[in-house]
PDB file of N, CA and C in Angstrom:
ATOM      1  N   MET A   1      35.045   6.672 -11.745  1.00  0.00           N
ATOM      2  CA  MET A   1      33.669   6.670 -11.086  1.00  0.00           C
ATOM      3  C   MET A   1      32.747   5.962 -11.958  1.00  0.00           C
ATOM      4  N   SER A   2      32.000   4.988 -11.401  1.00  0.00           N
ATOM      5  CA  SER A   2      31.083   4.204 -12.213  1.00  0.00           C
ATOM      6  C   SER A   2      29.832   4.984 -12.476  1.00  0.00           C
ATOM      7  N   ASN A   3      29.087   4.512 -13.527  1.00  0.00           N
ATOM      8  CA  ASN A   3      27.755   5.222 -13.791  1.00  0.00           C
ATOM      9  C   ASN A   3      26.871   5.149 -12.657  1.00  0.00           C
ATOM     10  N   GLN A   4      26.854   4.026 -11.914  1.00  0.00           N
ATOM     11  CA  GLN A   4      25.904   3.888 -10.810  1.00  0.00           C
ATOM     12  C   GLN A   4      26.236   4.922  -9.665  1.00  0.00           C
ATOM     13  N   VAL A   5      27.521   5.144  -9.363  1.00  0.00           N
ATOM     14  CA  VAL A   5      27.861   6.067  -8.376  1.00  0.00           C
ATOM     15  C   VAL A   5      27.500   7.558  -8.823  1.00  0.00           C
ATOM     16  N   LEU A   6      27.687   7.822 -10.095  1.00  0.00           N
ATOM     17  CA  LEU A   6      27.347   9.108 -10.711  1.00  0.00           C
ATOM     18  C   LEU A   6      25.714   9.313 -10.661  1.00  0.00           C
ATOM     19  N   PHE A   7      25.111   8.248 -10.986  1.00  0.00           N
ATOM     20  CA  PHE A   7      23.601   8.270 -10.965  1.00  0.00           C
ATOM     21  C   PHE A   7      23.112   8.563  -9.606  1.00  0.00           C
ATOM     22  N   VAL A   8      23.627   7.802  -8.580  1.00  0.00           N
ATOM     23  CA  VAL A   8      23.168   7.997  -7.243  1.00  0.00           C
ATOM     24  C   VAL A   8      23.440   9.392  -6.773  1.00  0.00           C
ATOM     25  N   GLY A   9      24.602   9.958  -7.032  1.00  0.00           N
ATOM     26  CA  GLY A   9      24.923  11.274  -6.645  1.00  0.00           C
ATOM     27  C   GLY A   9      23.973  12.295  -7.309  1.00  0.00           C
ATOM     28  N   LEU A  10      23.756  12.190  -8.608  1.00  0.00           N
ATOM     29  CA  LEU A  10      22.875  13.091  -9.284  1.00  0.00           C
ATOM     30  C   LEU A  10      21.409  13.002  -8.773  1.00  0.00           C
ATOM     31  N   ARG A  11      21.039  11.802  -8.525  1.00  0.00           N
ATOM     32  CA  ARG A  11      19.616  11.512  -8.002  1.00  0.00           C
ATOM     33  C   ARG A  11      19.445  12.154  -6.601  1.00  0.00           C
ATOM     34  N   ARG A  12      20.449  11.926  -5.725  1.00  0.00           N
ATOM     35  CA  ARG A  12      20.411  12.527  -4.353  1.00  0.00           C
ATOM     36  C   ARG A  12      20.360  14.032  -4.413  1.00  0.00           C
ATOM     37  N   ASN A  13      21.223  14.630  -5.280  1.00  0.00           N
ATOM     38  CA  ASN A  13      21.175  16.082  -5.435  1.00  0.00           C
ATOM     39  C   ASN A  13      19.835  16.601  -5.858  1.00  0.00           C
ATOM     40  N   LEU A  14      19.312  15.924  -6.844  1.00  0.00           N
ATOM     41  CA  LEU A  14      17.985  16.324  -7.381  1.00  0.00           C
ATOM     42  C   LEU A  14      16.905  16.201  -6.301  1.00  0.00           C
ATOM     43  N   ASP A  15      16.874  15.032  -5.600  1.00  0.00           N
ATOM     44  CA  ASP A  15      15.903  14.880  -4.538  1.00  0.00           C
ATOM     45  C   ASP A  15      16.037  15.923  -3.402  1.00  0.00           C
ATOM     46  N   GLU A  16      17.254  16.267  -3.005  1.00  0.00           N
ATOM     47  CA  GLU A  16      17.488  17.300  -2.013  1.00  0.00           C
ATOM     48  C   GLU A  16      17.008  18.678  -2.529  1.00  0.00           C
ATOM     49  N   HIS A  17      17.401  18.990  -3.714  1.00  0.00           N
ATOM     50  CA  HIS A  17      16.930  20.284  -4.306  1.00  0.00           C
ATOM     51  C   HIS A  17      15.406  20.354  -4.362  1.00  0.00           C
ATOM     52  N   LEU A  18      14.737  19.365  -4.870  1.00  0.00           N
ATOM     53  CA  LEU A  18      13.351  19.457  -4.956  1.00  0.00           C
ATOM     54  C   LEU A  18      12.684  19.500  -3.524  1.00  0.00           C
ATOM     55  N   GLU A  19      13.301  18.786  -2.579  1.00  0.00           N
ATOM     56  CA  GLU A  19      12.771  18.804  -1.219  1.00  0.00           C
ATOM     57  C   GLU A  19      12.914  20.218  -0.643  1.00  0.00           C
ATOM     58  N   ARG A  20      14.065  20.892  -0.933  1.00  0.00           N
ATOM     59  CA  ARG A  20      14.191  22.249  -0.461  1.00  0.00           C
ATOM     60  C   ARG A  20      13.163  23.230  -1.077  1.00  0.00           C
ATOM     61  N   VAL A  21      12.973  23.109  -2.379  1.00  0.00           N
ATOM     62  CA  VAL A  21      12.017  23.915  -3.072  1.00  0.00           C
ATOM     63  C   VAL A  21      10.594  23.722  -2.499  1.00  0.00           C
ATOM     64  N   LEU A  22      10.273  22.523  -2.314  1.00  0.00           N
ATOM     65  CA  LEU A  22       8.964  22.123  -1.727  1.00  0.00           C
ATOM     66  C   LEU A  22       8.745  22.738  -0.284  1.00  0.00           C
ATOM     67  N   ARG A  23       9.814  22.509   0.477  1.00  0.00           N
ATOM     68  CA  ARG A  23       9.756  23.108   1.848  1.00  0.00           C
ATOM     69  C   ARG A  23       9.594  24.617   1.848  1.00  0.00           C
ATOM     70  N   VAL A  24      10.273  25.325   0.996  1.00  0.00           N
ATOM     71  CA  VAL A  24      10.183  26.755   0.967  1.00  0.00           C
ATOM     72  C   VAL A  24       8.800  27.147   0.478  1.00  0.00           C
ATOM     73  N   ALA A  25       8.283  26.433  -0.496  1.00  0.00           N
ATOM     74  CA  ALA A  25       6.952  26.732  -1.122  1.00  0.00           C
ATOM     75  C   ALA A  25       5.819  26.454  -0.069  1.00  0.00           C
ATOM     76  N   VAL A  26       6.000  25.447   0.758  1.00  0.00           N
ATOM     77  CA  VAL A  26       4.954  25.122   1.704  1.00  0.00           C
ATOM     78  C   VAL A  26       5.086  25.828   2.973  1.00  0.00           C
ATOM     79  N   ASP A  27       6.283  25.861   3.552  1.00  0.00           N
ATOM     80  CA  ASP A  27       6.511  26.429   4.898  1.00  0.00           C
ATOM     81  C   ASP A  27       7.130  27.860   4.934  1.00  0.00           C
ATOM     82  N   GLY A  28       7.652  28.301   3.851  1.00  0.00           N
ATOM     83  CA  GLY A  28       8.347  29.539   3.826  1.00  0.00           C
ATOM     84  C   GLY A  28       7.420  30.760   3.808  1.00  0.00           C
ATOM     85  N   ASP A  29       7.963  31.922   4.193  1.00  0.00           N
ATOM     86  CA  ASP A  29       7.145  33.122   4.178  1.00  0.00           C
ATOM     87  C   ASP A  29       6.919  33.547   2.694  1.00  0.00           C
ATOM     88  N   ALA A  30       6.131  34.526   2.429  1.00  0.00           N
ATOM     89  CA  ALA A  30       5.770  34.993   1.042  1.00  0.00           C
ATOM     90  C   ALA A  30       6.947  35.324   0.322  1.00  0.00           C
ATOM     91  N   GLY A  31       7.892  36.108   0.935  1.00  0.00           N
ATOM     92  CA  GLY A  31       9.095  36.579   0.227  1.00  0.00           C
ATOM     93  C   GLY A  31       9.995  35.432  -0.207  1.00  0.00           C
ATOM     94  N   ALA A  32      10.253  34.418   0.668  1.00  0.00           N
ATOM     95  CA  ALA A  32      11.053  33.300   0.450  1.00  0.00           C
ATOM     96  C   ALA A  32      10.425  32.449  -0.701  1.00  0.00           C
ATOM     97  N   ALA A  33       9.064  32.265  -0.606  1.00  0.00           N
ATOM     98  CA  ALA A  33       8.381  31.494  -1.615  1.00  0.00           C
ATOM     99  C   ALA A  33       8.465  32.147  -3.008  1.00  0.00           C
ATOM    100  N   LEU A  34       8.332  33.463  -3.052  1.00  0.00           N
ATOM    101  CA  LEU A  34       8.327  34.161  -4.310  1.00  0.00           C
ATOM    102  C   LEU A  34       9.757  34.017  -4.898  1.00  0.00           C
ATOM    103  N   ALA A  35      10.792  34.219  -4.041  1.00  0.00           N
ATOM    104  CA  ALA A  35      12.196  34.092  -4.559  1.00  0.00           C
ATOM    105  C   ALA A  35      12.452  32.775  -5.073  1.00  0.00           C
ATOM    106  N   ALA A  36      11.991  31.723  -4.369  1.00  0.00           N
ATOM    107  CA  ALA A  36      12.227  30.331  -4.749  1.00  0.00           C
ATOM    108  C   ALA A  36      11.453  30.141  -6.106  1.00  0.00           C
ATOM    109  N   MET A  37      10.313  30.603  -6.228  1.00  0.00           N
ATOM    110  CA  MET A  37       9.534  30.416  -7.478  1.00  0.00           C
ATOM    111  C   MET A  37      10.219  30.985  -8.578  1.00  0.00           C
ATOM    112  N   ARG A  38      10.726  32.263  -8.419  1.00  0.00           N
ATOM    113  CA  ARG A  38      11.384  32.844  -9.561  1.00  0.00           C
ATOM    114  C   ARG A  38      12.649  32.227  -9.904  1.00  0.00           C
ATOM    115  N   HIS A  39      13.295  31.659  -8.953  1.00  0.00           N
ATOM    116  CA  HIS A  39      14.673  30.987  -9.168  1.00  0.00           C
ATOM    117  C   HIS A  39      14.515  29.536  -9.672  1.00  0.00           C
ATOM    118  N   ASP A  40      13.658  28.781  -9.124  1.00  0.00           N
ATOM    119  CA  ASP A  40      13.516  27.377  -9.336  1.00  0.00           C
ATOM    120  C   ASP A  40      12.427  26.917 -10.338  1.00  0.00           C
ATOM    121  N   VAL A  41      11.315  27.554 -10.306  1.00  0.00           N
ATOM    122  CA  VAL A  41      10.250  27.061 -11.210  1.00  0.00           C
ATOM    123  C   VAL A  41      10.622  27.069 -12.649  1.00  0.00           C
ATOM    124  N   PRO A  42      11.284  28.080 -13.268  1.00  0.00           N
ATOM    125  CA  PRO A  42      11.599  27.973 -14.718  1.00  0.00           C
ATOM    126  C   PRO A  42      12.399  26.658 -15.010  1.00  0.00           C
ATOM    127  N   GLY A  43      13.331  26.284 -14.124  1.00  0.00           N
ATOM    128  CA  GLY A  43      14.137  25.064 -14.376  1.00  0.00           C
ATOM    129  C   GLY A  43      13.288  23.802 -14.240  1.00  0.00           C
ATOM    130  N   ILE A  44      12.379  23.757 -13.274  1.00  0.00           N
ATOM    131  CA  ILE A  44      11.448  22.630 -13.173  1.00  0.00           C
ATOM    132  C   ILE A  44      10.438  22.568 -14.332  1.00  0.00           C
ATOM    133  N   VAL A  45       9.966  23.703 -14.787  1.00  0.00           N
ATOM    134  CA  VAL A  45       9.091  23.712 -16.001  1.00  0.00           C
ATOM    135  C   VAL A  45       9.890  23.217 -17.188  1.00  0.00           C
ATOM    136  N   ALA A  46      11.109  23.716 -17.321  1.00  0.00           N
ATOM    137  CA  ALA A  46      11.941  23.292 -18.500  1.00  0.00           C
ATOM    138  C   ALA A  46      12.245  21.783 -18.492  1.00  0.00           C
ATOM    139  N   ALA A  47      12.448  21.220 -17.287  1.00  0.00           N
ATOM    140  CA  ALA A  47      12.678  19.804 -17.140  1.00  0.00           C
ATOM    141  C   ALA A  47      11.414  19.041 -17.544  1.00  0.00           C
ATOM    142  N   LEU A  48      10.257  19.487 -17.105  1.00  0.00           N
ATOM    143  CA  LEU A  48       9.040  18.750 -17.478  1.00  0.00           C
ATOM    144  C   LEU A  48       8.705  18.911 -18.930  1.00  0.00           C
ATOM    145  N   GLN A  49       8.999  19.998 -19.500  1.00  0.00           N
ATOM    146  CA  GLN A  49       8.843  20.169 -21.036  1.00  0.00           C
ATOM    147  C   GLN A  49       9.701  19.287 -21.781  1.00  0.00           C
ATOM    148  N   GLY A  50      11.010  19.178 -21.294  1.00  0.00           N
ATOM    149  CA  GLY A  50      12.000  18.262 -21.955  1.00  0.00           C
ATOM    150  C   GLY A  50      11.510  16.805 -21.823  1.00  0.00           C
ATOM    151  N   LEU A  51      10.994  16.399 -20.690  1.00  0.00           N
ATOM    152  CA  LEU A  51      10.460  15.093 -20.485  1.00  0.00           C
ATOM    153  C   LEU A  51       9.285  14.861 -21.451  1.00  0.00           C
ATOM    154  N   ALA A  52       8.319  15.808 -21.478  1.00  0.00           N
ATOM    155  CA  ALA A  52       7.165  15.694 -22.420  1.00  0.00           C
ATOM    156  C   ALA A  52       7.599  15.586 -23.849  1.00  0.00           C
ATOM    157  N   ASP A  53       8.596  16.420 -24.241  1.00  0.00           N
ATOM    158  CA  ASP A  53       9.108  16.375 -25.646  1.00  0.00           C
ATOM    159  C   ASP A  53       9.752  15.053 -25.969  1.00  0.00           C
ATOM    160  N   ARG A  54      10.476  14.472 -25.039  1.00  0.00           N
ATOM    161  CA  ARG A  54      11.165  13.186 -25.242  1.00  0.00           C
ATOM    162  C   ARG A  54      10.101  12.040 -25.405  1.00  0.00           C
ATOM    163  N   HIS A  55       8.960  12.152 -24.772  1.00  0.00           N
ATOM    164  CA  HIS A  55       7.900  11.188 -24.800  1.00  0.00           C
ATOM    165  C   HIS A  55       6.736  11.624 -25.713  1.00  0.00           C
ATOM    166  N   ARG A  56       7.083  12.301 -26.755  1.00  0.00           N
ATOM    167  CA  ARG A  56       6.142  12.755 -27.753  1.00  0.00           C
ATOM    168  C   ARG A  56       5.842  11.562 -28.741  1.00  0.00           C
ATOM    169  N   ALA A  57       4.670  11.690 -29.338  1.00  0.00           N
ATOM    170  CA  ALA A  57       4.281  10.512 -30.275  1.00  0.00           C
ATOM    171  C   ALA A  57       5.030  10.629 -31.577  1.00  0.00           C
ATOM    172  N   ASP A  58       5.387   9.504 -32.138  1.00  0.00           N
ATOM    173  CA  ASP A  58       6.103   9.453 -33.428  1.00  0.00           C
ATOM    174  C   ASP A  58       4.986   9.408 -34.509  1.00  0.00           C
ATOM    175  N   GLU A  59       5.382   9.141 -35.793  1.00  0.00           N
ATOM    176  CA  GLU A  59       4.359   9.201 -36.826  1.00  0.00           C
ATOM    177  C   GLU A  59       3.347   8.066 -36.735  1.00  0.00           C
ATOM    178  N   ASN A  60       3.609   7.054 -35.910  1.00  0.00           N
ATOM    179  CA  ASN A  60       2.666   5.968 -35.724  1.00  0.00           C
ATOM    180  C   ASN A  60       1.857   6.049 -34.441  1.00  0.00           C
ATOM    181  N   GLY A  61       2.005   7.166 -33.748  1.00  0.00           N
ATOM    182  CA  GLY A  61       1.281   7.379 -32.539  1.00  0.00           C
ATOM    183  C   GLY A  61       1.906   6.674 -31.325  1.00  0.00           C
ATOM    184  N   CYS A  62       3.129   6.243 -31.429  1.00  0.00           N
ATOM    185  CA  CYS A  62       3.828   5.488 -30.351  1.00  0.00           C
ATOM    186  C   CYS A  62       4.783   6.465 -29.692  1.00  0.00           C
ATOM    187  N   CYS A  63       4.992   6.316 -28.453  1.00  0.00           N
ATOM    188  CA  CYS A  63       5.980   7.138 -27.613  1.00  0.00           C
ATOM    189  C   CYS A  63       7.412   6.936 -28.280  1.00  0.00           C
ATOM    190  N   ARG A  64       8.048   8.094 -28.566  1.00  0.00           N
ATOM    191  CA  ARG A  64       9.399   8.027 -29.133  1.00  0.00           C
ATOM    192  C   ARG A  64      10.412   7.436 -28.116  1.00  0.00           C
ATOM    193  N   ALA A  65      10.317   7.708 -26.910  1.00  0.00           N
ATOM    194  CA  ALA A  65      11.285   7.196 -25.917  1.00  0.00           C
ATOM    195  C   ALA A  65      10.938   5.728 -25.443  1.00  0.00           C
ATOM    196  N   CYS A  66       9.737   5.361 -25.513  1.00  0.00           N
ATOM    197  CA  CYS A  66       9.351   4.009 -25.045  1.00  0.00           C
ATOM    198  C   CYS A  66       9.083   3.041 -26.183  1.00  0.00           C
ATOM    199  N   ARG A  67       9.500   3.377 -27.434  1.00  0.00           N
ATOM    200  CA  ARG A  67       9.116   2.495 -28.548  1.00  0.00           C
ATOM    201  C   ARG A  67      10.124   1.432 -28.873  1.00  0.00           C
ATOM    202  N   SER A  68      11.053   1.125 -27.977  1.00  0.00           N
ATOM    203  CA  SER A  68      12.086   0.147 -28.325  1.00  0.00           C
ATOM    204  C   SER A  68      11.408  -1.221 -28.497  1.00  0.00           C
ATOM    205  N   GLY A  69      12.039  -2.088 -29.274  1.00  0.00           N
ATOM    206  CA  GLY A  69      11.552  -3.404 -29.529  1.00  0.00           C
ATOM    207  C   GLY A  69      10.684  -3.480 -30.709  1.00  0.00           C
ATOM    208  N   PRO A  70      10.094  -4.663 -30.921  1.00  0.00           N
ATOM    209  CA  PRO A  70       9.251  -4.935 -32.083  1.00  0.00           C
ATOM    210  C   PRO A  70       7.965  -3.996 -32.094  1.00  0.00           C
ATOM    211  N   PHE A  71       7.327  -3.866 -33.178  1.00  0.00           N
ATOM    212  CA  PHE A  71       6.196  -3.008 -33.289  1.00  0.00           C
ATOM    213  C   PHE A  71       5.043  -3.385 -32.390  1.00  0.00           C
ATOM    214  N   TRP A  72       4.911  -4.660 -32.040  1.00  0.00           N
ATOM    215  CA  TRP A  72       3.763  -5.108 -31.178  1.00  0.00           C
ATOM    216  C   TRP A  72       4.030  -4.793 -29.753  1.00  0.00           C
ATOM    217  N   ARG A  73       5.254  -4.425 -29.398  1.00  0.00           N
ATOM    218  CA  ARG A  73       5.559  -4.019 -27.996  1.00  0.00           C
ATOM    219  C   ARG A  73       5.696  -2.515 -27.811  1.00  0.00           C
ATOM    220  N   ARG A  74       5.458  -1.742 -28.850  1.00  0.00           N
ATOM    221  CA  ARG A  74       5.615  -0.286 -28.711  1.00  0.00           C
ATOM    222  C   ARG A  74       4.464   0.264 -27.930  1.00  0.00           C
ATOM    223  N   VAL A  75       4.775   1.330 -27.226  1.00  0.00           N
ATOM    224  CA  VAL A  75       3.744   1.934 -26.301  1.00  0.00           C
ATOM    225  C   VAL A  75       3.106   3.092 -27.039  1.00  0.00           C
ATOM    226  N   ALA A  76       1.771   3.073 -26.904  1.00  0.00           N
ATOM    227  CA  ALA A  76       0.959   4.184 -27.483  1.00  0.00           C
ATOM    228  C   ALA A  76       1.088   5.430 -26.587  1.00  0.00           C
ATOM    229  N   VAL A  77       0.975   6.488 -27.207  1.00  0.00           N
ATOM    230  CA  VAL A  77       0.973   7.842 -26.382  1.00  0.00           C
ATOM    231  C   VAL A  77      -0.441   8.065 -25.869  1.00  0.00           C
ATOM    232  N   PRO A  78      -0.667   8.519 -24.668  1.00  0.00           N
ATOM    233  CA  PRO A  78       0.279   8.844 -23.668  1.00  0.00           C
ATOM    234  C   PRO A  78       0.865   7.537 -22.984  1.00  0.00           C
ATOM    235  N   CYS A  79       2.197   7.540 -22.886  1.00  0.00           N
ATOM    236  CA  CYS A  79       2.872   6.434 -22.230  1.00  0.00           C
ATOM    237  C   CYS A  79       2.778   6.528 -20.724  1.00  0.00           C
ATOM    238  N   ARG A  80       3.316   5.496 -20.102  1.00  0.00           N
ATOM    239  CA  ARG A  80       3.257   5.452 -18.629  1.00  0.00           C
ATOM    240  C   ARG A  80       3.995   6.665 -18.004  1.00  0.00           C
ATOM    241  N   VAL A  81       5.087   7.160 -18.638  1.00  0.00           N
ATOM    242  CA  VAL A  81       5.798   8.209 -17.991  1.00  0.00           C
ATOM    243  C   VAL A  81       4.966   9.483 -18.024  1.00  0.00           C
ATOM    244  N   LEU A  82       4.375   9.783 -19.130  1.00  0.00           N
ATOM    245  CA  LEU A  82       3.483  11.005 -19.199  1.00  0.00           C
ATOM    246  C   LEU A  82       2.294  10.893 -18.337  1.00  0.00           C
ATOM    247  N   LEU A  83       1.662   9.649 -18.234  1.00  0.00           N
ATOM    248  CA  LEU A  83       0.542   9.479 -17.292  1.00  0.00           C
ATOM    249  C   LEU A  83       1.056   9.665 -15.860  1.00  0.00           C
ATOM    250  N   ASP A  84       2.157   9.177 -15.426  1.00  0.00           N
ATOM    251  CA  ASP A  84       2.638   9.279 -14.134  1.00  0.00           C
ATOM    252  C   ASP A  84       2.880  10.772 -13.750  1.00  0.00           C
ATOM    253  N   VAL A  85       3.547  11.568 -14.702  1.00  0.00           N
ATOM    254  CA  VAL A  85       3.758  12.984 -14.449  1.00  0.00           C
ATOM    255  C   VAL A  85       2.460  13.687 -14.354  1.00  0.00           C
ATOM    256  N   HIS A  86       1.480  13.473 -15.260  1.00  0.00           N
ATOM    257  CA  HIS A  86       0.273  14.124 -15.177  1.00  0.00           C
ATOM    258  C   HIS A  86      -0.482  13.746 -13.888  1.00  0.00           C
ATOM    259  N   LEU A  87      -0.463  12.507 -13.421  1.00  0.00           N
ATOM    260  CA  LEU A  87      -1.061  12.130 -12.178  1.00  0.00           C
ATOM    261  C   LEU A  87      -0.389  12.826 -11.032  1.00  0.00           C
ATOM    262  N   ALA A  88       0.940  12.961 -10.977  1.00  0.00           N
ATOM    263  CA  ALA A  88       1.616  13.527  -9.884  1.00  0.00           C
ATOM    264  C   ALA A  88       1.206  15.043  -9.808  1.00  0.00           C
ATOM    265  N   VAL A  89       1.255  15.752 -10.908  1.00  0.00           N
ATOM    266  CA  VAL A  89       0.854  17.228 -10.966  1.00  0.00           C
ATOM    267  C   VAL A  89      -0.591  17.369 -10.489  1.00  0.00           C
ATOM    268  N   THR A  90      -1.472  16.523 -10.974  1.00  0.00           N
ATOM    269  CA  THR A  90      -2.914  16.641 -10.649  1.00  0.00           C
ATOM    270  C   THR A  90      -3.108  16.434  -9.194  1.00  0.00           C
ATOM    271  N   VAL A  91      -2.472  15.332  -8.655  1.00  0.00           N
ATOM    272  CA  VAL A  91      -2.643  15.055  -7.220  1.00  0.00           C
ATOM    273  C   VAL A  91      -2.132  16.199  -6.335  1.00  0.00           C
ATOM    274  N   ALA A  92      -0.929  16.762  -6.731  1.00  0.00           N
ATOM    275  CA  ALA A  92      -0.369  17.890  -5.961  1.00  0.00           C
ATOM    276  C   ALA A  92      -1.267  19.097  -6.062  1.00  0.00           C
ATOM    277  N   MET A  93      -1.837  19.336  -7.173  1.00  0.00           N
ATOM    278  CA  MET A  93      -2.697  20.534  -7.323  1.00  0.00           C
ATOM    279  C   MET A  93      -4.057  20.289  -6.541  1.00  0.00           C
ATOM    280  N   THR A  94      -4.559  19.122  -6.533  1.00  0.00           N
ATOM    281  CA  THR A  94      -5.739  18.740  -5.826  1.00  0.00           C
ATOM    282  C   THR A  94      -5.533  18.873  -4.332  1.00  0.00           C
ATOM    283  N   ALA A  95      -4.369  18.385  -3.836  1.00  0.00           N
ATOM    284  CA  ALA A  95      -4.063  18.434  -2.434  1.00  0.00           C
ATOM    285  C   ALA A  95      -3.929  19.879  -1.993  1.00  0.00           C
ATOM    286  N   ARG A  96      -3.362  20.767  -2.757  1.00  0.00           N
ATOM    287  CA  ARG A  96      -3.175  22.187  -2.364  1.00  0.00           C
ATOM    288  C   ARG A  96      -4.568  22.851  -2.385  1.00  0.00           C
ATOM    289  N   THR A  97      -5.383  22.502  -3.369  1.00  0.00           N
ATOM    290  CA  THR A  97      -6.704  23.075  -3.486  1.00  0.00           C
ATOM    291  C   THR A  97      -7.620  22.649  -2.367  1.00  0.00           C
ATOM    292  N   SER A  98      -7.579  21.369  -1.997  1.00  0.00           N
ATOM    293  CA  SER A  98      -8.466  20.979  -0.893  1.00  0.00           C
ATOM    294  C   SER A  98      -7.897  21.436   0.482  1.00  0.00           C
ATOM    295  N   ALA A  99      -6.701  21.726   0.550  1.00  0.00           N
ATOM    296  CA  ALA A  99      -6.142  22.255   1.915  1.00  0.00           C
ATOM    297  C   ALA A  99      -6.395  23.766   2.010  1.00  0.00           C
ATOM    298  N   ALA A 100      -6.639  24.409   0.905  1.00  0.00           N
ATOM    299  CA  ALA A 100      -6.933  25.871   1.003  1.00  0.00           C
ATOM    300  C   ALA A 100      -8.285  26.163   1.547  1.00  0.00           C
ATOM    301  N   PRO A 101      -8.476  27.250   2.167  1.00  0.00           N
ATOM    302  CA  PRO A 101      -9.860  27.628   2.724  1.00  0.00           C
ATOM    303  C   PRO A 101     -10.835  27.754   1.595  1.00  0.00           C
ATOM    304  N   GLN A 102     -12.001  27.278   1.846  1.00  0.00           N
ATOM    305  CA  GLN A 102     -13.060  27.309   0.872  1.00  0.00           C
ATOM    306  C   GLN A 102     -13.858  28.676   0.938  1.00  0.00           C
ATOM    307  N   SER A 103     -13.202  29.727   0.576  1.00  0.00           N
ATOM    308  CA  SER A 103     -13.888  31.045   0.762  1.00  0.00           C
ATOM    309  C   SER A 103     -14.767  31.351  -0.478  1.00  0.00           C
ATOM    310  N   HIS A 104     -14.714  30.541  -1.513  1.00  0.00           N
ATOM    311  CA  HIS A 104     -15.516  30.758  -2.718  1.00  0.00           C
ATOM    312  C   HIS A 104     -16.886  30.158  -2.557  1.00  0.00           C
ATOM    313  N   ARG A 105     -17.167  29.347  -1.611  1.00  0.00           N
ATOM    314  CA  ARG A 105     -18.437  28.799  -1.554  1.00  0.00           C
ATOM    315  C   ARG A 105     -19.485  29.874  -1.105  1.00  0.00           C
ATOM    316  N   LEU A 106     -20.732  29.608  -1.594  1.00  0.00           N
ATOM    317  CA  LEU A 106     -21.747  30.582  -1.235  1.00  0.00           C
ATOM    318  C   LEU A 106     -22.236  30.302   0.140  1.00  0.00           C
ATOM    319  N   ARG A 107     -22.479  31.331   0.886  1.00  0.00           N
ATOM    320  CA  ARG A 107     -22.880  31.137   2.223  1.00  0.00           C
ATOM    321  C   ARG A 107     -24.304  31.708   2.309  1.00  0.00           C
ATOM    322  N   LEU A 108     -25.183  30.949   2.939  1.00  0.00           N
ATOM    323  CA  LEU A 108     -26.602  31.366   3.055  1.00  0.00           C
ATOM    324  C   LEU A 108     -26.684  32.414   4.181  1.00  0.00           C
ATOM    325  N   SER A 109     -27.369  33.484   3.957  1.00  0.00           N
ATOM    326  CA  SER A 109     -27.577  34.447   4.994  1.00  0.00           C
ATOM    327  C   SER A 109     -28.713  33.905   5.927  1.00  0.00           C
ATOM    328  N   SER A 110     -28.857  34.516   7.055  1.00  0.00           N
ATOM    329  CA  SER A 110     -29.919  34.015   8.007  1.00  0.00           C
ATOM    330  C   SER A 110     -31.280  34.131   7.414  1.00  0.00           C
ATOM    331  N   SER A 111     -31.461  35.126   6.536  1.00  0.00           N
ATOM    332  CA  SER A 111     -32.765  35.302   5.913  1.00  0.00           C
ATOM    333  C   SER A 111     -33.058  34.251   4.845  1.00  0.00           C
ATOM    334  N   ASP A 112     -31.950  33.780   4.187  1.00  0.00           N
ATOM    335  CA  ASP A 112     -32.050  32.747   3.166  1.00  0.00           C
ATOM    336  C   ASP A 112     -32.313  31.373   3.765  1.00  0.00           C
ATOM    337  N   SER A 113     -31.824  31.106   4.941  1.00  0.00           N
ATOM    338  CA  SER A 113     -31.859  29.744   5.456  1.00  0.00           C
ATOM    339  C   SER A 113     -33.292  29.461   5.911  1.00  0.00           C
ATOM    340  N   GLY A 114     -34.123  30.421   6.269  1.00  0.00           N
ATOM    341  CA  GLY A 114     -35.488  30.200   6.651  1.00  0.00           C
ATOM    342  C   GLY A 114     -36.459  29.900   5.489  1.00  0.00           C
ATOM    343  N   SER A 115     -35.952  30.241   4.317  1.00  0.00           N
ATOM    344  CA  SER A 115     -36.923  30.077   3.094  1.00  0.00           C
ATOM    345  C   SER A 115     -36.753  28.638   2.548  1.00  0.00           C
ATOM    346  N   HIS A 116     -35.819  27.852   3.027  1.00  0.00           N
ATOM    347  CA  HIS A 116     -35.573  26.467   2.417  1.00  0.00           C
ATOM    348  C   HIS A 116     -36.222  25.493   3.335  1.00  0.00           C
TER     349      HIS A 116
END
């Protein structure tokens, strides 16, 4: 089995697993979402922590994983990988927050609205 075939299989399995987790989190009932969270979130967090550790700065402030090549081509931290992960997490959190009902906003009572 070539590396490419192995990579394609691993990538497909990962994509399918993450899609299932996302589907349960978004569309599942509370019990299914909680079970998925307890089962899958620790592994996802560990994977992200491993990725962040791999892309940690070296003694010169360059990404350890992206620092190949001559010194003038080394990538300063945060590298593109960390920026992409941070952006994806931020966008996902923003999308969930904006889709949630805005019950925290102050509502003016009928007596308050006449005074403005």
